């Protein structure tokens, strides 16, 4: 294989990883614009550093580059005040937005290394060994990061659920008090007004007889 053919094959393999890189970057940053910039810079650095790739899984190597770039971005942003915050361009419905905000807040509460390890395992399906290679740490440290991340997310999500339950409690009690208002007792048969019965035919007959008596001549 010639050098040109090898370079073309390398670039094609990198191009195939773009959807996975974009998914990982968006989950990592919670910002579509920053994620796209990270993917772009990752691809540029990968092409420039192609000689540092000595075989293996290209995607894992690219994950490592993207993770390092994001860590550099976080260190830089920590030194500078945020001028503006651009929101992601997703438009979920109300239910999905509530669930998404819970997950986003839970992920935001994690330390960078914990969030990275969790996303690589849960979202991208990497093994602990692959995550350890991406992060440049031992497998035991990856295991520790994952345990801490899962525990922190569980606490955040349970706290959000408890807060919503407390907020909904007054409204629930108000509805129960409305339902508890005593209703009027059912009417007794004696209280029900019954329509007057028609006059008996016998009464009409007697009246006619009396009238005829008054007109009788002796």
Protein backbone atom coordinates (compact mmCIF):
# COMPACT_ATOMS: atom_id res chain seq x y z
CA UNK A 1 0.00 0.00 0.00
CA UNK A 2 1.36 3.38 -0.98
CA UNK A 3 1.67 6.29 1.41
CA UNK A 4 -1.17 8.14 -0.34
CA UNK A 5 -3.46 5.12 -0.19
CA UNK A 6 -2.69 4.63 3.49
CA UNK A 7 -3.45 8.27 4.23
CA UNK A 8 -6.73 8.09 2.31
CA UNK A 9 -7.76 4.98 4.26
CA UNK A 10 -6.83 6.66 7.54
CA UNK A 11 -8.87 9.76 6.75
CA UNK A 12 -11.83 7.64 5.68
CA UNK A 13 -11.76 5.72 8.96
CA UNK A 14 -11.70 9.02 10.86
CA UNK A 15 -14.61 10.38 8.87
CA UNK A 16 -16.71 7.34 9.82
CA UNK A 17 -16.34 8.20 13.51
CA UNK A 18 -17.86 11.69 13.26
CA UNK A 19 -21.43 10.71 14.38
CA UNK A 20 -20.09 8.93 17.46
CA UNK A 21 -17.74 11.80 18.27
CA UNK A 22 -20.54 14.34 17.94
CA UNK A 23 -22.85 12.31 20.19
CA UNK A 24 -20.17 11.95 22.83
CA UNK A 25 -19.19 15.63 22.66
CA UNK A 26 -22.77 16.85 22.99
CA UNK A 27 -23.39 14.64 26.00
CA UNK A 28 -20.09 15.75 27.52
CA UNK A 29 -20.62 19.50 27.09
CA UNK A 30 -24.44 19.82 27.00
CA UNK A 31 -23.90 22.43 24.28
CA UNK A 32 -24.18 21.70 20.57
CA UNK A 33 -21.95 24.59 19.45
CA UNK A 34 -19.12 23.73 21.82
CA UNK A 35 -19.52 20.05 20.91
CA UNK A 36 -19.18 20.74 17.20
CA UNK A 37 -16.08 22.83 17.84
CA UNK A 38 -14.58 20.01 19.88
CA UNK A 39 -15.26 17.48 17.11
CA UNK A 40 -13.77 19.79 14.51
CA UNK A 41 -10.62 20.37 16.56
CA UNK A 42 -10.38 16.65 17.31
CA UNK A 43 -10.41 15.77 13.63
CA UNK A 44 -7.81 18.44 12.84
CA UNK A 45 -5.49 17.26 15.58
CA UNK A 46 -5.95 13.64 14.53
CA UNK A 47 -4.94 14.38 10.96
CA UNK A 48 -1.97 16.42 12.09
CA UNK A 49 -0.91 13.71 14.53
CA UNK A 50 -1.57 10.70 12.30
CA UNK A 51 1.98 9.49 12.81
CA UNK A 52 1.23 9.06 16.52
CA UNK A 53 -1.44 6.49 15.73
CA UNK A 54 0.19 3.07 15.81
CA UNK A 55 -2.81 0.92 15.03
CA UNK A 56 -5.72 -0.25 17.12
CA UNK A 57 -9.18 1.26 17.35
CA UNK A 58 -9.27 4.69 15.74
CA UNK A 59 -12.38 5.74 17.66
CA UNK A 60 -10.77 5.14 21.06
CA UNK A 61 -7.81 7.25 19.99
CA UNK A 62 -10.14 10.03 18.88
CA UNK A 63 -12.07 9.82 22.15
CA UNK A 64 -8.81 10.41 23.98
CA UNK A 65 -8.03 13.48 21.84
CA UNK A 66 -11.51 14.92 22.33
CA UNK A 67 -11.40 14.26 26.08
CA UNK A 68 -8.06 16.07 26.40
CA UNK A 69 -9.33 19.02 24.36
CA UNK A 70 -12.40 19.29 26.55
CA UNK A 71 -10.28 19.18 29.72
CA UNK A 72 -8.17 22.01 28.32
CA UNK A 73 -11.33 23.95 27.52
CA UNK A 74 -12.65 23.53 31.07
CA UNK A 75 -9.36 24.66 32.61
CA UNK A 76 -9.33 27.72 30.37
CA UNK A 77 -12.97 28.61 31.06
CA UNK A 78 -12.34 28.27 34.80
CA UNK A 79 -9.84 31.12 34.57
CA UNK A 80 -12.16 33.35 32.54
CA UNK A 81 -15.66 34.59 33.46
CA UNK A 82 -18.38 33.33 31.17
CA UNK A 83 -19.55 36.15 28.89
CA UNK A 84 -22.53 34.29 27.49
CA UNK A 85 -24.06 30.86 27.56
CA UNK A 86 -25.52 29.51 24.37
CA UNK A 87 -28.16 26.83 24.80
CA UNK A 88 -28.34 23.68 22.76
CA UNK A 89 -30.61 23.62 19.74
CA UNK A 90 -32.71 20.65 20.74
CA UNK A 91 -36.48 21.14 21.04
CA UNK A 92 -37.97 18.32 23.13
CA UNK A 93 -41.53 18.32 24.38
CA UNK A 94 -42.43 19.22 27.95
CA UNK A 95 -42.12 15.72 29.41
CA UNK A 96 -38.83 15.04 27.66
CA UNK A 97 -37.54 18.48 28.66
CA UNK A 98 -38.24 17.78 32.35
CA UNK A 99 -36.48 14.44 32.17
CA UNK A 100 -33.64 15.91 30.17
CA UNK A 101 -33.12 18.75 32.63
CA UNK A 102 -32.84 16.24 35.48
CA UNK A 103 -30.19 14.25 33.62
CA UNK A 104 -28.32 17.38 32.58
CA UNK A 105 -28.21 18.70 36.13
CA UNK A 106 -27.04 15.31 37.36
CA UNK A 107 -24.27 15.15 34.76
CA UNK A 108 -23.27 18.74 35.49
CA UNK A 109 -22.78 17.88 39.15
CA UNK A 110 -20.11 15.31 38.31
CA UNK A 111 -16.38 15.88 38.27
CA UNK A 112 -14.98 15.97 34.73
CA UNK A 113 -13.21 12.60 34.99
CA UNK A 114 -16.33 10.94 36.42
CA UNK A 115 -18.58 12.38 33.73
CA UNK A 116 -16.16 11.32 30.99
CA UNK A 117 -15.88 7.75 32.29
CA UNK A 118 -19.65 7.43 32.68
CA UNK A 119 -20.45 8.69 29.18
CA UNK A 120 -17.81 6.52 27.55
CA UNK A 121 -19.22 3.41 29.23
CA UNK A 122 -22.96 4.10 29.22
CA UNK A 123 -23.34 6.18 26.05
CA UNK A 124 -20.52 4.90 23.85
CA UNK A 125 -20.32 1.34 25.12
CA UNK A 126 -16.58 1.25 25.81
CA UNK A 127 -15.10 -1.33 28.14
CA UNK A 128 -13.36 -0.35 31.35
CA UNK A 129 -10.03 -1.14 29.72
CA UNK A 130 -10.80 1.09 26.74
CA UNK A 131 -11.90 3.92 29.03
CA UNK A 132 -8.68 3.53 30.99
CA UNK A 133 -6.70 3.90 27.74
CA UNK A 134 -8.71 6.97 26.74
CA UNK A 135 -8.23 8.66 30.11
CA UNK A 136 -4.69 7.41 30.60
CA UNK A 137 -5.41 5.89 33.99
CA UNK A 138 -5.67 2.43 35.49
CA UNK A 139 -8.79 0.27 35.36
CA UNK A 140 -9.21 0.56 39.13
CA UNK A 141 -9.40 4.35 38.84
CA UNK A 142 -12.01 4.01 36.08
CA UNK A 143 -14.02 1.73 38.36
CA UNK A 144 -13.77 4.28 41.16
CA UNK A 145 -14.88 7.10 38.82
CA UNK A 146 -17.90 5.11 37.65
CA UNK A 147 -18.99 4.20 41.17
CA UNK A 148 -18.74 7.81 42.31
CA UNK A 149 -20.57 9.06 39.20
CA UNK A 150 -23.45 6.64 39.58
CA UNK A 151 -23.82 7.43 43.26
CA UNK A 152 -23.81 11.19 42.63
CA UNK A 153 -26.37 10.92 39.83
CA UNK A 154 -28.63 8.76 41.98
CA UNK A 155 -28.53 11.34 44.78
CA UNK A 156 -29.29 14.23 42.41
CA UNK A 157 -32.19 12.47 40.71
CA UNK A 158 -33.70 11.33 44.01
CA UNK A 159 -33.38 14.86 45.36
CA UNK A 160 -35.19 16.30 42.33
CA UNK A 161 -38.00 13.77 42.66
CA UNK A 162 -38.38 14.52 46.37
CA UNK A 163 -38.46 18.27 45.69
CA UNK A 164 -41.21 17.88 43.09
CA UNK A 165 -43.20 15.67 45.46
CA UNK A 166 -43.04 18.32 48.20
CA UNK A 167 -44.08 21.03 45.75
CA UNK A 168 -47.07 19.00 44.62
CA UNK A 169 -48.18 18.14 48.19
CA UNK A 170 -50.08 21.44 48.98
CA UNK A 171 -52.06 21.17 45.77
CA UNK A 172 -52.91 17.56 46.51
CA UNK A 173 -54.09 18.47 50.01
CA UNK A 174 -56.23 21.28 48.59
CA UNK A 175 -57.91 18.89 46.18
CA UNK A 176 -58.55 16.43 49.00
CA UNK A 177 -60.17 19.18 51.13
CA UNK A 178 -62.48 20.12 48.27
CA UNK A 179 -63.49 16.51 47.82
CA UNK A 180 -64.11 16.22 51.58
CA UNK A 181 -66.87 18.95 51.64
CA UNK A 182 -70.08 17.26 52.93
CA UNK A 183 -72.79 16.88 50.35
CA UNK A 184 -76.53 17.34 50.93
CA UNK A 185 -78.13 14.09 52.17
CA UNK A 186 -80.44 12.33 49.76
CA UNK A 187 -84.05 13.35 50.05
CA UNK A 188 -86.38 11.08 51.98
CA UNK A 189 -89.49 9.76 50.31
CA UNK A 190 -91.63 11.89 52.61
CA UNK A 191 -89.76 15.03 51.56
CA UNK A 192 -90.39 14.49 47.89
CA UNK A 193 -93.26 16.50 46.55
CA UNK A 194 -95.70 14.32 44.67
CA UNK A 195 -98.03 15.77 42.06
CA UNK A 196 -101.67 16.19 43.11
CA UNK A 197 -103.89 13.39 42.02
CA UNK A 198 -106.77 14.11 39.68
CA UNK A 199 -110.25 14.47 41.19
CA UNK A 200 -112.17 11.30 41.61
CA UNK A 201 -114.91 10.72 39.06
CA UNK A 202 -117.36 10.18 41.94
CA UNK A 203 -116.93 13.78 43.06
CA UNK A 204 -117.86 15.07 39.65
CA UNK A 205 -120.93 12.87 39.61
CA UNK A 206 -122.22 14.11 43.00
CA UNK A 207 -121.72 17.73 41.93
CA UNK A 208 -123.78 17.14 38.83
CA UNK A 209 -126.52 15.49 40.88
CA UNK A 210 -126.69 18.46 43.33
CA UNK A 211 -126.88 20.89 40.43
CA UNK A 212 -129.77 18.99 38.91
CA UNK A 213 -131.59 19.01 42.27
CA UNK A 214 -131.53 22.80 42.36
CA UNK A 215 -133.27 22.91 39.02
CA UNK A 216 -135.98 20.41 39.92
CA UNK A 217 -139.46 22.00 39.91
CA UNK A 218 -142.22 20.82 42.27
